[in-house]
Amino acid sequence: MKLLSVNLGRPKAVPYTDQRDGVTGIDKQPVDGPVRVAAPGAKGTGASGLAGDAVCETRHHGGDDQAVYAVAREDLDAWERTLGRTLTNGMFGENLTTEGIDVSGALIGERWAVGPEVVLEVTSGRIPCRTFQGHLGEKGWVKRFTERGAPGAYFRVIRPGEIRAGDAVRIVHRPEHEVTVALQFRAVTTERALLPRLLAAGGALHPEALAMARTYVEKYGEGPTV
């Protein structure tokens, strides 16, 4: 299990973003050499956890609980076969393109040691947006991406440090619950009846998803959880 690439984005003006200044950092490219990773600060003020990486729309992206975004190369390969086009590392706006890891199958609260220094903790799956669809240029992309249910994972930074392409990735902690990124994604997008199951992940869950699950339970009770 390793990093195939570390990908950074620069601000770019585009016609398909809702960001107030019309710019986005979603077009991320692999970089050589080490990249510093650290907690960027609270959502709304903090941006990317990777030095030199742009997160332009901080209302919905970035911050401590979405500091780093990872996508499995295997998922990009599957989409290449579906779309009939090449998808380079970073094409989904991911900071980390991995090999040998089921990223969407990771547990909320699972911790990864990346290289000799950095430790990351899984918080949630990525919710597709208009900017993502515009960047890919695929009709109905938000719906198609959502239906596949393999969103990749957001992380918070537990221990800062430097990472680079080729670094080994080790899973150093797996929680006792069974709440995966894929389950969390389905619960907050297409299958709201699954929301009560997210509570098992506790405080490791992205705060917005945790609040959504608690609100659902308060309104509807536990309901069917299978």
C-alpha atoms as a PDB file:
ATOM      1  CA  MET A   1       0.000   0.000   0.000  1.00  0.00           C
ATOM      2  CA  LYS A   2       1.520   3.287  -1.063  1.00  0.00           C
ATOM      3  CA  LEU A   3       1.091   6.780  -2.449  1.00  0.00           C
ATOM      4  CA  LEU A   4       1.341   6.860  -6.204  1.00  0.00           C
ATOM      5  CA  SER A   5       1.274  10.650  -6.216  1.00  0.00           C
ATOM      6  CA  VAL A   6       0.804  13.750  -4.096  1.00  0.00           C
ATOM      7  CA  ASN A   7      -1.301  16.279  -6.002  1.00  0.00           C
ATOM      8  CA  LEU A   8      -1.599  20.043  -5.541  1.00  0.00           C
ATOM      9  CA  GLY A   9      -3.860  22.592  -7.204  1.00  0.00           C
ATOM     10  CA  ARG A  10      -3.385  26.245  -8.063  1.00  0.00           C
ATOM     11  CA  PRO A  11      -6.239  28.773  -8.247  1.00  0.00           C
ATOM     12  CA  LYS A  12      -7.753  28.771 -11.718  1.00  0.00           C
ATOM     13  CA  ALA A  13     -10.580  30.873 -13.147  1.00  0.00           C
ATOM     14  CA  VAL A  14     -13.379  28.706 -14.597  1.00  0.00           C
ATOM     15  CA  PRO A  15     -17.016  29.257 -15.670  1.00  0.00           C
ATOM     16  CA  TYR A  16     -18.443  26.320 -13.698  1.00  0.00           C
ATOM     17  CA  THR A  17     -17.858  27.146 -10.045  1.00  0.00           C
ATOM     18  CA  ASP A  18     -20.112  28.829  -7.492  1.00  0.00           C
ATOM     19  CA  GLN A  19     -17.086  30.266  -5.711  1.00  0.00           C
ATOM     20  CA  ARG A  20     -17.584  34.019  -5.409  1.00  0.00           C
ATOM     21  CA  ASP A  21     -14.390  34.931  -7.283  1.00  0.00           C
ATOM     22  CA  GLY A  22     -14.957  32.285  -9.970  1.00  0.00           C
ATOM     23  CA  VAL A  23     -11.798  30.335  -9.186  1.00  0.00           C
ATOM     24  CA  THR A  24     -11.138  26.759  -8.115  1.00  0.00           C
ATOM     25  CA  GLY A  25      -8.205  24.615  -7.065  1.00  0.00           C
ATOM     26  CA  ILE A  26      -9.787  21.321  -8.184  1.00  0.00           C
ATOM     27  CA  ASP A  27      -7.341  20.827 -11.075  1.00  0.00           C
ATOM     28  CA  LYS A  28      -4.636  19.124  -9.030  1.00  0.00           C
ATOM     29  CA  GLN A  29      -1.362  17.895 -10.513  1.00  0.00           C
ATOM     30  CA  PRO A  30       1.259  15.449  -9.178  1.00  0.00           C
ATOM     31  CA  VAL A  31       4.326  17.115  -7.688  1.00  0.00           C
ATOM     32  CA  ASP A  32       7.876  15.986  -7.029  1.00  0.00           C
ATOM     33  CA  GLY A  33       9.600  16.261  -3.693  1.00  0.00           C
ATOM     34  CA  PRO A  34       8.209  16.462  -0.168  1.00  0.00           C
ATOM     35  CA  VAL A  35       4.988  18.274   0.725  1.00  0.00           C
ATOM     36  CA  ARG A  36       4.238  19.512   4.237  1.00  0.00           C
ATOM     37  CA  VAL A  37       0.949  18.281   5.735  1.00  0.00           C
ATOM     38  CA  ALA A  38      -0.670  19.938   8.758  1.00  0.00           C
ATOM     39  CA  ALA A  39      -4.100  20.794  10.157  1.00  0.00           C
ATOM     40  CA  PRO A  40      -5.253  23.925   8.283  1.00  0.00           C
ATOM     41  CA  GLY A  41      -7.742  25.310  10.809  1.00  0.00           C
ATOM     42  CA  ALA A  42     -11.509  25.357  11.117  1.00  0.00           C
ATOM     43  CA  LYS A  43     -13.765  25.044   8.095  1.00  0.00           C
ATOM     44  CA  GLY A  44     -14.605  28.424   6.647  1.00  0.00           C
ATOM     45  CA  THR A  45     -11.188  29.809   7.425  1.00  0.00           C
ATOM     46  CA  GLY A  46      -8.803  26.872   7.047  1.00  0.00           C
ATOM     47  CA  ALA A  47      -8.206  25.540   3.548  1.00  0.00           C
ATOM     48  CA  SER A  48      -6.053  22.574   2.465  1.00  0.00           C
ATOM     49  CA  GLY A  49      -3.890  20.540   4.781  1.00  0.00           C
ATOM     50  CA  LEU A  50      -1.152  20.380   2.139  1.00  0.00           C
ATOM     51  CA  ALA A  51       1.267  23.271   1.764  1.00  0.00           C
ATOM     52  CA  GLY A  52       0.962  24.865  -1.663  1.00  0.00           C
ATOM     53  CA  ASP A  53      -2.479  23.432  -2.400  1.00  0.00           C
ATOM     54  CA  ALA A  54      -5.407  25.750  -3.161  1.00  0.00           C
ATOM     55  CA  VAL A  55      -8.896  25.341  -1.720  1.00  0.00           C
ATOM     56  CA  CYS A  56     -10.801  28.344  -3.017  1.00  0.00           C
ATOM     57  CA  GLU A  57     -14.333  27.595  -1.806  1.00  0.00           C
ATOM     58  CA  THR A  58     -13.849  27.361   1.949  1.00  0.00           C
ATOM     59  CA  ARG A  59     -17.590  27.480   2.683  1.00  0.00           C
ATOM     60  CA  HIS A  60     -17.883  23.847   1.597  1.00  0.00           C
ATOM     61  CA  HIS A  61     -14.336  22.518   1.298  1.00  0.00           C
ATOM     62  CA  GLY A  62     -11.173  22.346   3.356  1.00  0.00           C
ATOM     63  CA  GLY A  63     -10.746  22.826   7.074  1.00  0.00           C
ATOM     64  CA  ASP A  64      -9.496  20.440   9.732  1.00  0.00           C
ATOM     65  CA  ASP A  65     -12.056  17.690   9.032  1.00  0.00           C
ATOM     66  CA  GLN A  66     -11.490  17.812   5.263  1.00  0.00           C
ATOM     67  CA  ALA A  67      -7.787  18.599   5.312  1.00  0.00           C
ATOM     68  CA  VAL A  68      -6.704  15.851   2.902  1.00  0.00           C
ATOM     69  CA  TYR A  69      -8.640  14.004   0.183  1.00  0.00           C
ATOM     70  CA  ALA A  70      -7.572  10.573  -1.124  1.00  0.00           C
ATOM     71  CA  VAL A  71      -8.756   8.503  -4.078  1.00  0.00           C
ATOM     72  CA  ALA A  72      -7.698   4.977  -4.998  1.00  0.00           C
ATOM     73  CA  ARG A  73      -5.993   4.563  -8.355  1.00  0.00           C
ATOM     74  CA  GLU A  74      -8.111   1.442  -8.717  1.00  0.00           C
ATOM     75  CA  ASP A  75     -11.265   3.594  -8.646  1.00  0.00           C
ATOM     76  CA  LEU A  76      -9.844   5.945 -11.255  1.00  0.00           C
ATOM     77  CA  ASP A  77      -9.051   2.913 -13.425  1.00  0.00           C
ATOM     78  CA  ALA A  78     -12.631   1.664 -13.066  1.00  0.00           C
ATOM     79  CA  TRP A  79     -13.966   5.055 -14.117  1.00  0.00           C
ATOM     80  CA  GLU A  80     -11.570   5.072 -17.093  1.00  0.00           C
ATOM     81  CA  ARG A  81     -13.188   1.875 -18.316  1.00  0.00           C
ATOM     82  CA  THR A  82     -16.669   3.311 -17.819  1.00  0.00           C
ATOM     83  CA  LEU A  83     -15.982   6.704 -19.393  1.00  0.00           C
ATOM     84  CA  GLY A  84     -13.612   5.531 -22.110  1.00  0.00           C
ATOM     85  CA  ARG A  85     -11.040   8.221 -21.332  1.00  0.00           C
ATOM     86  CA  THR A  86      -7.795   8.668 -19.443  1.00  0.00           C
ATOM     87  CA  LEU A  87      -7.980   9.977 -15.875  1.00  0.00           C
ATOM     88  CA  THR A  88      -4.635  11.149 -14.580  1.00  0.00           C
ATOM     89  CA  ASN A  89      -3.686  11.153 -10.901  1.00  0.00           C
ATOM     90  CA  GLY A  90      -5.292  14.184  -9.271  1.00  0.00           C
ATOM     91  CA  MET A  91      -8.113  14.335 -11.839  1.00  0.00           C
ATOM     92  CA  PHE A  92     -10.792  13.957  -9.163  1.00  0.00           C
ATOM     93  CA  GLY A  93      -9.269  16.816  -7.191  1.00  0.00           C
ATOM     94  CA  GLU A  94      -7.617  14.379  -4.795  1.00  0.00           C
ATOM     95  CA  ASN A  95      -4.486  15.255  -2.867  1.00  0.00           C
ATOM     96  CA  LEU A  96      -3.401  11.637  -2.549  1.00  0.00           C
ATOM     97  CA  THR A  97      -3.706   8.977  -5.217  1.00  0.00           C
ATOM     98  CA  THR A  98      -3.176   5.600  -3.573  1.00  0.00           C
ATOM     99  CA  GLU A  99      -2.410   2.067  -4.701  1.00  0.00           C
ATOM    100  CA  GLY A 100      -3.457  -1.127  -2.959  1.00  0.00           C
ATOM    101  CA  ILE A 101      -5.992   0.421  -0.559  1.00  0.00           C
ATOM    102  CA  ASP A 102      -9.788   0.264  -0.631  1.00  0.00           C
ATOM    103  CA  VAL A 103     -10.182   3.944   0.247  1.00  0.00           C
ATOM    104  CA  SER A 104     -13.991   3.986   0.226  1.00  0.00           C
ATOM    105  CA  GLY A 105     -13.974   0.811   2.327  1.00  0.00           C
ATOM    106  CA  ALA A 106     -11.948   2.504   5.066  1.00  0.00           C
ATOM    107  CA  LEU A 107     -13.642   2.889   8.448  1.00  0.00           C
ATOM    108  CA  ILE A 108     -14.522   6.283   9.843  1.00  0.00           C
ATOM    109  CA  GLY A 109     -11.833   6.926  12.456  1.00  0.00           C
ATOM    110  CA  GLU A 110      -9.345   4.599  10.774  1.00  0.00           C
ATOM    111  CA  ARG A 111      -5.814   5.990  10.979  1.00  0.00           C
ATOM    112  CA  TRP A 112      -3.165   5.834   8.288  1.00  0.00           C
ATOM    113  CA  ALA A 113       0.551   6.373   8.766  1.00  0.00           C
ATOM    114  CA  VAL A 114       1.843   7.923   5.540  1.00  0.00           C
ATOM    115  CA  GLY A 115       5.591   7.894   5.171  1.00  0.00           C
ATOM    116  CA  PRO A 116       7.759   8.188   8.299  1.00  0.00           C
ATOM    117  CA  GLU A 117       5.942  11.130   9.936  1.00  0.00           C
ATOM    118  CA  VAL A 118       2.329  11.808   8.996  1.00  0.00           C
ATOM    119  CA  VAL A 119      -0.742  10.221  10.587  1.00  0.00           C
ATOM    120  CA  LEU A 120      -4.183  10.859   9.083  1.00  0.00           C
ATOM    121  CA  GLU A 121      -7.680   9.925  10.324  1.00  0.00           C
ATOM    122  CA  VAL A 122     -10.652   9.131   8.078  1.00  0.00           C
ATOM    123  CA  THR A 123     -13.647  11.436   8.594  1.00  0.00           C
ATOM    124  CA  SER A 124     -16.054  11.095   5.659  1.00  0.00           C
ATOM    125  CA  GLY A 125     -16.596  10.580   1.956  1.00  0.00           C
ATOM    126  CA  ARG A 126     -16.485  13.324  -0.671  1.00  0.00           C
ATOM    127  CA  ILE A 127     -19.824  14.785  -1.770  1.00  0.00           C
ATOM    128  CA  PRO A 128     -19.745  15.655  -5.498  1.00  0.00           C
ATOM    129  CA  CYS A 129     -20.542  19.226  -6.516  1.00  0.00           C
ATOM    130  CA  ARG A 130     -21.134  21.389  -9.578  1.00  0.00           C
ATOM    131  CA  THR A 131     -17.468  22.318  -9.769  1.00  0.00           C
ATOM    132  CA  PHE A 132     -16.486  18.634  -9.869  1.00  0.00           C
ATOM    133  CA  GLN A 133     -18.961  18.018 -12.702  1.00  0.00           C
ATOM    134  CA  GLY A 134     -17.702  21.020 -14.648  1.00  0.00           C
ATOM    135  CA  HIS A 135     -14.098  19.965 -14.169  1.00  0.00           C
ATOM    136  CA  LEU A 136     -14.773  16.459 -15.484  1.00  0.00           C
ATOM    137  CA  GLY A 137     -17.011  17.701 -18.293  1.00  0.00           C
ATOM    138  CA  GLU A 138     -19.247  14.644 -18.019  1.00  0.00           C
ATOM    139  CA  LYS A 139     -23.018  15.002 -18.376  1.00  0.00           C
ATOM    140  CA  GLY A 140     -24.890  13.918 -15.245  1.00  0.00           C
ATOM    141  CA  TRP A 141     -21.614  13.408 -13.408  1.00  0.00           C
ATOM    142  CA  VAL A 142     -22.886  14.232  -9.910  1.00  0.00           C
ATOM    143  CA  LYS A 143     -25.624  11.605 -10.209  1.00  0.00           C
ATOM    144  CA  ARG A 144     -23.328   8.990 -11.740  1.00  0.00           C
ATOM    145  CA  PHE A 145     -20.603   9.506  -9.153  1.00  0.00           C
ATOM    146  CA  THR A 146     -23.154   9.310  -6.342  1.00  0.00           C
ATOM    147  CA  GLU A 147     -24.759   6.141  -7.678  1.00  0.00           C
ATOM    148  CA  ARG A 148     -21.420   4.318  -7.832  1.00  0.00           C
ATOM    149  CA  GLY A 149     -20.890   5.007  -4.126  1.00  0.00           C
ATOM    150  CA  ALA A 150     -17.083   5.023  -4.111  1.00  0.00           C
ATOM    151  CA  PRO A 151     -16.383   8.631  -3.131  1.00  0.00           C
ATOM    152  CA  GLY A 152     -12.846   8.448  -1.791  1.00  0.00           C
ATOM    153  CA  ALA A 153     -12.100   9.703   1.715  1.00  0.00           C
ATOM    154  CA  TYR A 154     -11.455  12.918   3.574  1.00  0.00           C
ATOM    155  CA  PHE A 155      -8.982  12.956   6.472  1.00  0.00           C
ATOM    156  CA  ARG A 156      -8.025  15.110   9.400  1.00  0.00           C
ATOM    157  CA  VAL A 157      -4.336  15.452  10.301  1.00  0.00           C
ATOM    158  CA  ILE A 158      -3.419  13.731  13.569  1.00  0.00           C
ATOM    159  CA  ARG A 159       0.344  14.113  13.244  1.00  0.00           C
ATOM    160  CA  PRO A 160       1.869  16.605  10.796  1.00  0.00           C
ATOM    161  CA  GLY A 161       4.960  16.114   8.712  1.00  0.00           C
ATOM    162  CA  GLU A 162       6.130  15.631   5.147  1.00  0.00           C
ATOM    163  CA  ILE A 163       4.936  13.170   2.525  1.00  0.00           C
ATOM    164  CA  ARG A 164       5.973  12.386  -1.028  1.00  0.00           C
ATOM    165  CA  ALA A 165       5.085  10.075  -3.905  1.00  0.00           C
ATOM    166  CA  GLY A 166       6.177   6.514  -3.213  1.00  0.00           C
ATOM    167  CA  ASP A 167       5.647   6.707   0.540  1.00  0.00           C
ATOM    168  CA  ALA A 168       4.289   3.588   2.181  1.00  0.00           C
ATOM    169  CA  VAL A 169       0.807   3.758   3.701  1.00  0.00           C
ATOM    170  CA  ARG A 170       0.110   1.666   6.807  1.00  0.00           C
ATOM    171  CA  ILE A 171      -3.179   1.274   8.640  1.00  0.00           C
ATOM    172  CA  VAL A 172      -2.215   1.803  12.270  1.00  0.00           C
ATOM    173  CA  HIS A 173      -5.675   1.868  13.866  1.00  0.00           C
ATOM    174  CA  ARG A 174      -9.052   0.394  12.932  1.00  0.00           C
ATOM    175  CA  PRO A 175     -12.093   1.180  15.114  1.00  0.00           C
ATOM    176  CA  GLU A 176     -14.419  -1.525  16.429  1.00  0.00           C
ATOM    177  CA  HIS A 177     -17.512  -0.241  14.578  1.00  0.00           C
ATOM    178  CA  GLU A 178     -18.457  -1.052  10.960  1.00  0.00           C
ATOM    179  CA  VAL A 179     -19.126   2.433   9.593  1.00  0.00           C
ATOM    180  CA  THR A 180     -17.198   2.682   6.340  1.00  0.00           C
ATOM    181  CA  VAL A 181     -16.737   5.724   4.141  1.00  0.00           C
ATOM    182  CA  ALA A 182     -19.052   4.114   1.582  1.00  0.00           C
ATOM    183  CA  LEU A 183     -21.780   3.591   4.200  1.00  0.00           C
ATOM    184  CA  GLN A 184     -21.439   7.157   5.459  1.00  0.00           C
ATOM    185  CA  PHE A 185     -21.680   8.450   1.889  1.00  0.00           C
ATOM    186  CA  ARG A 186     -24.838   6.474   1.144  1.00  0.00           C
ATOM    187  CA  ALA A 187     -26.406   7.623   4.413  1.00  0.00           C
ATOM    188  CA  VAL A 188     -25.923  11.324   3.716  1.00  0.00           C
ATOM    189  CA  THR A 189     -26.838  11.146   0.017  1.00  0.00           C
ATOM    190  CA  THR A 190     -29.259   8.466  -1.181  1.00  0.00           C
ATOM    191  CA  GLU A 191     -30.231   6.305   1.820  1.00  0.00           C
ATOM    192  CA  ARG A 192     -31.111   8.534   4.776  1.00  0.00           C
ATOM    193  CA  ALA A 193     -32.533   5.579   6.712  1.00  0.00           C
ATOM    194  CA  LEU A 194     -28.917   4.527   7.250  1.00  0.00           C
ATOM    195  CA  LEU A 195     -28.102   7.683   9.210  1.00  0.00           C
ATOM    196  CA  PRO A 196     -28.640   6.140  12.682  1.00  0.00           C
ATOM    197  CA  ARG A 197     -25.864   3.636  11.942  1.00  0.00           C
ATOM    198  CA  LEU A 198     -23.369   6.479  11.638  1.00  0.00           C
ATOM    199  CA  LEU A 199     -23.630   7.250  15.338  1.00  0.00           C
ATOM    200  CA  ALA A 200     -21.450   4.215  16.071  1.00  0.00           C
ATOM    201  CA  ALA A 201     -18.488   6.168  14.669  1.00  0.00           C
ATOM    202  CA  GLY A 202     -18.927   8.871  17.313  1.00  0.00           C
ATOM    203  CA  GLY A 203     -16.651  11.890  17.323  1.00  0.00           C
ATOM    204  CA  ALA A 204     -14.404  10.494  14.591  1.00  0.00           C
ATOM    205  CA  LEU A 205     -17.174  11.243  12.087  1.00  0.00           C
ATOM    206  CA  HIS A 206     -17.159  14.558  10.238  1.00  0.00           C
ATOM    207  CA  PRO A 207     -19.146  16.957  12.477  1.00  0.00           C
ATOM    208  CA  GLU A 208     -21.683  17.779   9.766  1.00  0.00           C
ATOM    209  CA  ALA A 209     -22.474  14.113   9.149  1.00  0.00           C
ATOM    210  CA  LEU A 210     -22.680  13.477  12.889  1.00  0.00           C
ATOM    211  CA  ALA A 211     -25.124  16.360  13.305  1.00  0.00           C
ATOM    212  CA  MET A 212     -27.214  15.048  10.410  1.00  0.00           C
ATOM    213  CA  ALA A 213     -27.391  11.593  11.987  1.00  0.00           C
ATOM    214  CA  ARG A 214     -28.374  12.990  15.382  1.00  0.00           C
ATOM    215  CA  THR A 215     -31.077  15.192  13.852  1.00  0.00           C
ATOM    216  CA  TYR A 216     -32.502  12.220  11.955  1.00  0.00           C
ATOM    217  CA  VAL A 217     -32.666  10.094  15.115  1.00  0.00           C
ATOM    218  CA  GLU A 218     -34.299  12.906  17.069  1.00  0.00           C
ATOM    219  CA  LYS A 219     -36.960  13.244  14.403  1.00  0.00           C
ATOM    220  CA  TYR A 220     -37.550   9.657  13.324  1.00  0.00           C
ATOM    221  CA  GLY A 221     -35.943   7.472  15.972  1.00  0.00           C
ATOM    222  CA  GLU A 222     -33.524   4.665  15.190  1.00  0.00           C
ATOM    223  CA  GLY A 223     -35.773   3.244  12.487  1.00  0.00           C
ATOM    224  CA  PRO A 224     -34.624   0.365  10.261  1.00  0.00           C
ATOM    225  CA  THR A 225     -30.833   0.171  10.301  1.00  0.00           C
ATOM    226  CA  VAL A 226     -30.261  -2.619   7.827  1.00  0.00           C
END
